[in-house]
């Protein structure tokens, strides 16, 4: 199954590797290839919700957290079939997790690092909640902390658009050094 998922996503991996090669970023390419290799040969199942497509994405994204000091709390319960596009769900889940992982990476060695992921299906809708500790810095006038604002800082807007496509909503909540995003999407 892991090979089938990797094959499915291989086009994106090849594009990324070609980009790194063209830019002569050989160390990053080497790291990317090592990560791909680790994914193929890892038997570590972190999430087993009942939905193989979503489990695959979550296991891939969360694997780097398994051997570090981040306090983790995962609750994912999904049916095998959901009447929400897997493509759209992947965009939502991956953007939220990528944002959380980036925020955790900006914390210092002695900072408390936590991530919470709660994804549940109830009759006719799915609720996704991702919470994480962060350094407390929010730039209200910028979409991203990265220098390249043209190509970054659009993830939450993309999530909001997909939530609205399914008659749902995106909410964020910030308290102290905790950032939480929740998304509700209704089946069509």
C-alpha atoms as a PDB file:
ATOM      1  CA  UNK A   1       0.000   0.000   0.000  1.00  0.00           C
ATOM      2  CA  UNK A   2       2.847   2.397   0.859  1.00  0.00           C
ATOM      3  CA  UNK A   3       4.395   1.784  -2.555  1.00  0.00           C
ATOM      4  CA  UNK A   4       1.036   2.452  -4.234  1.00  0.00           C
ATOM      5  CA  UNK A   5       0.735   5.782  -2.410  1.00  0.00           C
ATOM      6  CA  UNK A   6       4.329   6.712  -3.188  1.00  0.00           C
ATOM      7  CA  UNK A   7       3.782   5.870  -6.849  1.00  0.00           C
ATOM      8  CA  UNK A   8       0.645   8.015  -6.832  1.00  0.00           C
ATOM      9  CA  UNK A   9       2.582  10.980  -5.394  1.00  0.00           C
ATOM     10  CA  UNK A  10       5.774  10.338  -7.375  1.00  0.00           C
ATOM     11  CA  UNK A  11       5.091  13.075  -9.958  1.00  0.00           C
ATOM     12  CA  UNK A  12       5.278  15.728  -7.233  1.00  0.00           C
ATOM     13  CA  UNK A  13       8.378  14.146  -5.738  1.00  0.00           C
ATOM     14  CA  UNK A  14      10.103  14.077  -9.138  1.00  0.00           C
ATOM     15  CA  UNK A  15       9.259  17.741  -9.770  1.00  0.00           C
ATOM     16  CA  UNK A  16      10.757  18.670  -6.398  1.00  0.00           C
ATOM     17  CA  UNK A  17      13.897  16.598  -6.987  1.00  0.00           C
ATOM     18  CA  UNK A  18      14.360  18.055 -10.483  1.00  0.00           C
ATOM     19  CA  UNK A  19      14.044  21.535  -9.025  1.00  0.00           C
ATOM     20  CA  UNK A  20      16.676  20.812  -6.364  1.00  0.00           C
ATOM     21  CA  UNK A  21      18.972  19.298  -8.988  1.00  0.00           C
ATOM     22  CA  UNK A  22      18.565  22.267 -11.363  1.00  0.00           C
ATOM     23  CA  UNK A  23      19.335  24.672  -8.529  1.00  0.00           C
ATOM     24  CA  UNK A  24      22.401  22.569  -7.664  1.00  0.00           C
ATOM     25  CA  UNK A  25      21.113  22.084  -4.129  1.00  0.00           C
ATOM     26  CA  UNK A  26      22.726  18.678  -3.813  1.00  0.00           C
ATOM     27  CA  UNK A  27      22.631  18.465  -0.019  1.00  0.00           C
ATOM     28  CA  UNK A  28      18.898  19.177   0.009  1.00  0.00           C
ATOM     29  CA  UNK A  29      18.385  16.645  -2.792  1.00  0.00           C
ATOM     30  CA  UNK A  30      20.342  14.063  -0.817  1.00  0.00           C
ATOM     31  CA  UNK A  31      18.167  14.738   2.268  1.00  0.00           C
ATOM     32  CA  UNK A  32      14.985  14.517   0.180  1.00  0.00           C
ATOM     33  CA  UNK A  33      16.055  11.176  -1.281  1.00  0.00           C
ATOM     34  CA  UNK A  34      16.886   9.881   2.201  1.00  0.00           C
ATOM     35  CA  UNK A  35      13.454  10.962   3.447  1.00  0.00           C
ATOM     36  CA  UNK A  36      11.820   9.192   0.507  1.00  0.00           C
ATOM     37  CA  UNK A  37      13.806   6.060   1.271  1.00  0.00           C
ATOM     38  CA  UNK A  38      12.851   6.219   4.951  1.00  0.00           C
ATOM     39  CA  UNK A  39       9.200   6.536   3.968  1.00  0.00           C
ATOM     40  CA  UNK A  40       9.318   3.493   1.695  1.00  0.00           C
ATOM     41  CA  UNK A  41      10.939   1.273   4.292  1.00  0.00           C
ATOM     42  CA  UNK A  42       9.230   2.600   7.405  1.00  0.00           C
ATOM     43  CA  UNK A  43       6.661   0.281   8.928  1.00  0.00           C
ATOM     44  CA  UNK A  44       5.669   2.853  11.494  1.00  0.00           C
ATOM     45  CA  UNK A  45       1.910   3.351  11.465  1.00  0.00           C
ATOM     46  CA  UNK A  46       1.059   6.424  13.480  1.00  0.00           C
ATOM     47  CA  UNK A  47      -2.552   6.879  12.397  1.00  0.00           C
ATOM     48  CA  UNK A  48      -4.960   4.060  11.585  1.00  0.00           C
ATOM     49  CA  UNK A  49      -8.338   5.748  11.314  1.00  0.00           C
ATOM     50  CA  UNK A  50     -10.054   3.455   8.855  1.00  0.00           C
ATOM     51  CA  UNK A  51      -9.500   5.701   5.816  1.00  0.00           C
ATOM     52  CA  UNK A  52      -6.339   4.559   4.018  1.00  0.00           C
ATOM     53  CA  UNK A  53      -5.996   7.680   1.878  1.00  0.00           C
ATOM     54  CA  UNK A  54      -6.042  10.068   4.826  1.00  0.00           C
ATOM     55  CA  UNK A  55      -3.966   7.704   6.984  1.00  0.00           C
ATOM     56  CA  UNK A  56      -1.261   7.655   4.317  1.00  0.00           C
ATOM     57  CA  UNK A  57      -1.025  11.445   4.205  1.00  0.00           C
ATOM     58  CA  UNK A  58      -1.031  11.761   7.991  1.00  0.00           C
ATOM     59  CA  UNK A  59       1.551   9.015   8.494  1.00  0.00           C
ATOM     60  CA  UNK A  60       3.833  10.616   5.916  1.00  0.00           C
ATOM     61  CA  UNK A  61       3.501  14.117   7.387  1.00  0.00           C
ATOM     62  CA  UNK A  62       3.773  13.057  11.032  1.00  0.00           C
ATOM     63  CA  UNK A  63       6.639  10.564  10.670  1.00  0.00           C
ATOM     64  CA  UNK A  64       9.353  13.212  11.306  1.00  0.00           C
ATOM     65  CA  UNK A  65       7.831  13.912  14.753  1.00  0.00           C
ATOM     66  CA  UNK A  66       8.109  10.333  15.988  1.00  0.00           C
ATOM     67  CA  UNK A  67      11.685  10.496  17.251  1.00  0.00           C
ATOM     68  CA  UNK A  68      11.761  13.910  18.847  1.00  0.00           C
ATOM     69  CA  UNK A  69      10.567  15.710  21.953  1.00  0.00           C
ATOM     70  CA  UNK A  70       7.256  17.036  20.627  1.00  0.00           C
ATOM     71  CA  UNK A  71       4.290  16.091  22.814  1.00  0.00           C
ATOM     72  CA  UNK A  72       1.756  14.545  20.453  1.00  0.00           C
ATOM     73  CA  UNK A  73      -1.976  13.911  20.716  1.00  0.00           C
ATOM     74  CA  UNK A  74      -3.771  12.324  17.755  1.00  0.00           C
ATOM     75  CA  UNK A  75      -7.427  11.358  17.489  1.00  0.00           C
ATOM     76  CA  UNK A  76      -8.501  10.434  13.973  1.00  0.00           C
ATOM     77  CA  UNK A  77     -11.650   8.418  13.286  1.00  0.00           C
ATOM     78  CA  UNK A  78     -12.900   8.315   9.720  1.00  0.00           C
ATOM     79  CA  UNK A  79     -14.946   5.946   7.597  1.00  0.00           C
ATOM     80  CA  UNK A  80     -13.364   4.321   4.568  1.00  0.00           C
ATOM     81  CA  UNK A  81     -15.519   6.409   2.227  1.00  0.00           C
ATOM     82  CA  UNK A  82     -16.264  10.114   2.629  1.00  0.00           C
ATOM     83  CA  UNK A  83     -18.233  12.191   0.143  1.00  0.00           C
ATOM     84  CA  UNK A  84     -15.577  14.899   0.192  1.00  0.00           C
ATOM     85  CA  UNK A  85     -12.877  14.796  -2.434  1.00  0.00           C
ATOM     86  CA  UNK A  86      -9.628  13.173  -1.230  1.00  0.00           C
ATOM     87  CA  UNK A  87      -7.818  15.850  -3.248  1.00  0.00           C
ATOM     88  CA  UNK A  88      -9.543  18.605  -1.252  1.00  0.00           C
ATOM     89  CA  UNK A  89      -9.060  16.808   2.081  1.00  0.00           C
ATOM     90  CA  UNK A  90      -5.347  16.421   1.338  1.00  0.00           C
ATOM     91  CA  UNK A  91      -5.008  20.141   0.654  1.00  0.00           C
ATOM     92  CA  UNK A  92      -6.721  21.012   3.932  1.00  0.00           C
ATOM     93  CA  UNK A  93      -4.903  18.469   6.094  1.00  0.00           C
ATOM     94  CA  UNK A  94      -1.475  19.032   4.536  1.00  0.00           C
ATOM     95  CA  UNK A  95      -1.669  22.823   4.794  1.00  0.00           C
ATOM     96  CA  UNK A  96      -2.735  22.698   8.433  1.00  0.00           C
ATOM     97  CA  UNK A  97      -0.070  20.172   9.386  1.00  0.00           C
ATOM     98  CA  UNK A  98       2.638  21.960   7.387  1.00  0.00           C
ATOM     99  CA  UNK A  99       1.798  25.189   9.217  1.00  0.00           C
ATOM    100  CA  UNK A 100       1.911  23.428  12.581  1.00  0.00           C
ATOM    101  CA  UNK A 101       5.227  21.725  11.812  1.00  0.00           C
ATOM    102  CA  UNK A 102       6.743  24.998  10.652  1.00  0.00           C
ATOM    103  CA  UNK A 103       5.611  26.741  13.835  1.00  0.00           C
ATOM    104  CA  UNK A 104       7.124  23.951  15.941  1.00  0.00           C
ATOM    105  CA  UNK A 105      10.398  24.219  14.020  1.00  0.00           C
ATOM    106  CA  UNK A 106      10.679  27.894  14.989  1.00  0.00           C
ATOM    107  CA  UNK A 107      10.594  27.074  18.710  1.00  0.00           C
ATOM    108  CA  UNK A 108      13.778  26.957  20.732  1.00  0.00           C
ATOM    109  CA  UNK A 109      15.312  23.824  22.185  1.00  0.00           C
ATOM    110  CA  UNK A 110      13.922  24.553  25.654  1.00  0.00           C
ATOM    111  CA  UNK A 111      10.445  25.609  24.505  1.00  0.00           C
ATOM    112  CA  UNK A 112       7.481  23.348  25.146  1.00  0.00           C
ATOM    113  CA  UNK A 113       6.485  21.694  21.856  1.00  0.00           C
ATOM    114  CA  UNK A 114       3.014  20.225  21.411  1.00  0.00           C
ATOM    115  CA  UNK A 115       0.785  19.244  18.529  1.00  0.00           C
ATOM    116  CA  UNK A 116      -2.822  18.063  18.625  1.00  0.00           C
ATOM    117  CA  UNK A 117      -4.671  16.609  15.673  1.00  0.00           C
ATOM    118  CA  UNK A 118      -8.332  15.703  15.964  1.00  0.00           C
ATOM    119  CA  UNK A 119     -10.150  14.607  12.816  1.00  0.00           C
ATOM    120  CA  UNK A 120     -13.586  13.080  13.133  1.00  0.00           C
ATOM    121  CA  UNK A 121     -16.453  12.270  10.857  1.00  0.00           C
ATOM    122  CA  UNK A 122     -19.975  12.753  12.091  1.00  0.00           C
ATOM    123  CA  UNK A 123     -23.115  12.209  10.087  1.00  0.00           C
ATOM    124  CA  UNK A 124     -22.652  14.279   6.985  1.00  0.00           C
ATOM    125  CA  UNK A 125     -19.605  16.347   7.956  1.00  0.00           C
ATOM    126  CA  UNK A 126     -15.972  16.169   8.889  1.00  0.00           C
ATOM    127  CA  UNK A 127     -14.281  18.264  11.568  1.00  0.00           C
ATOM    128  CA  UNK A 128     -10.530  18.830  11.442  1.00  0.00           C
ATOM    129  CA  UNK A 129      -8.716  20.478  14.321  1.00  0.00           C
ATOM    130  CA  UNK A 130      -4.964  21.077  14.396  1.00  0.00           C
ATOM    131  CA  UNK A 131      -3.407  22.812  17.380  1.00  0.00           C
ATOM    132  CA  UNK A 132       0.226  23.521  18.106  1.00  0.00           C
ATOM    133  CA  UNK A 133       2.466  25.485  20.376  1.00  0.00           C
ATOM    134  CA  UNK A 134       4.261  28.409  18.744  1.00  0.00           C
ATOM    135  CA  UNK A 135       6.534  31.291  19.645  1.00  0.00           C
ATOM    136  CA  UNK A 136       3.645  33.734  20.112  1.00  0.00           C
ATOM    137  CA  UNK A 137       4.704  35.965  17.218  1.00  0.00           C
ATOM    138  CA  UNK A 138       1.943  36.859  14.774  1.00  0.00           C
ATOM    139  CA  UNK A 139       2.440  39.422  12.045  1.00  0.00           C
ATOM    140  CA  UNK A 140      -0.981  40.904  11.391  1.00  0.00           C
ATOM    141  CA  UNK A 141       0.237  42.812   8.338  1.00  0.00           C
ATOM    142  CA  UNK A 142       1.875  39.777   6.695  1.00  0.00           C
ATOM    143  CA  UNK A 143       0.543  36.394   5.555  1.00  0.00           C
ATOM    144  CA  UNK A 144       3.848  34.661   6.159  1.00  0.00           C
ATOM    145  CA  UNK A 145       7.108  35.041   8.051  1.00  0.00           C
ATOM    146  CA  UNK A 146       9.022  33.927   4.991  1.00  0.00           C
ATOM    147  CA  UNK A 147      10.711  36.498   2.778  1.00  0.00           C
ATOM    148  CA  UNK A 148       8.988  35.212  -0.369  1.00  0.00           C
ATOM    149  CA  UNK A 149       5.403  36.391   0.238  1.00  0.00           C
ATOM    150  CA  UNK A 150       4.411  35.725  -3.371  1.00  0.00           C
ATOM    151  CA  UNK A 151       4.877  31.962  -3.098  1.00  0.00           C
ATOM    152  CA  UNK A 152       4.125  31.556   0.611  1.00  0.00           C
ATOM    153  CA  UNK A 153       1.376  32.540   3.019  1.00  0.00           C
ATOM    154  CA  UNK A 154      -1.562  31.316   0.965  1.00  0.00           C
ATOM    155  CA  UNK A 155      -2.178  27.981   2.709  1.00  0.00           C
ATOM    156  CA  UNK A 156      -4.910  29.119   5.098  1.00  0.00           C
ATOM    157  CA  UNK A 157      -6.670  30.984   2.289  1.00  0.00           C
ATOM    158  CA  UNK A 158      -6.628  27.765   0.258  1.00  0.00           C
ATOM    159  CA  UNK A 159      -8.050  25.864   3.253  1.00  0.00           C
ATOM    160  CA  UNK A 160     -10.758  28.512   3.688  1.00  0.00           C
ATOM    161  CA  UNK A 161     -11.727  28.263   0.006  1.00  0.00           C
ATOM    162  CA  UNK A 162     -12.096  24.488   0.245  1.00  0.00           C
ATOM    163  CA  UNK A 163     -14.071  24.707   3.499  1.00  0.00           C
ATOM    164  CA  UNK A 164     -16.457  27.156   1.841  1.00  0.00           C
ATOM    165  CA  UNK A 165     -16.726  24.885  -1.220  1.00  0.00           C
ATOM    166  CA  UNK A 166     -18.248  22.292   1.130  1.00  0.00           C
ATOM    167  CA  UNK A 167     -20.512  24.753   2.952  1.00  0.00           C
ATOM    168  CA  UNK A 168     -18.133  24.815   5.879  1.00  0.00           C
ATOM    169  CA  UNK A 169     -15.949  27.220   7.761  1.00  0.00           C
ATOM    170  CA  UNK A 170     -12.371  27.792   8.872  1.00  0.00           C
ATOM    171  CA  UNK A 171     -11.691  29.242  12.325  1.00  0.00           C
ATOM    172  CA  UNK A 172      -8.442  30.087  14.052  1.00  0.00           C
ATOM    173  CA  UNK A 173      -7.923  30.643  17.747  1.00  0.00           C
ATOM    174  CA  UNK A 174      -4.801  32.017  19.413  1.00  0.00           C
ATOM    175  CA  UNK A 175      -4.251  31.916  23.155  1.00  0.00           C
ATOM    176  CA  UNK A 176      -0.851  32.571  24.734  1.00  0.00           C
ATOM    177  CA  UNK A 177       1.555  30.334  22.809  1.00  0.00           C
ATOM    178  CA  UNK A 178      -1.091  28.028  21.366  1.00  0.00           C
ATOM    179  CA  UNK A 179      -2.421  28.279  17.815  1.00  0.00           C
ATOM    180  CA  UNK A 180      -5.459  26.255  16.823  1.00  0.00           C
ATOM    181  CA  UNK A 181      -7.195  25.902  13.484  1.00  0.00           C
ATOM    182  CA  UNK A 182     -10.505  24.146  13.007  1.00  0.00           C
ATOM    183  CA  UNK A 183     -12.259  23.341   9.763  1.00  0.00           C
ATOM    184  CA  UNK A 184     -15.725  21.932   9.224  1.00  0.00           C
ATOM    185  CA  UNK A 185     -16.751  20.599   5.811  1.00  0.00           C
ATOM    186  CA  UNK A 186     -20.107  19.084   4.891  1.00  0.00           C
ATOM    187  CA  UNK A 187     -20.557  16.225   2.472  1.00  0.00           C
ATOM    188  CA  UNK A 188     -22.236  17.177  -0.763  1.00  0.00           C
END
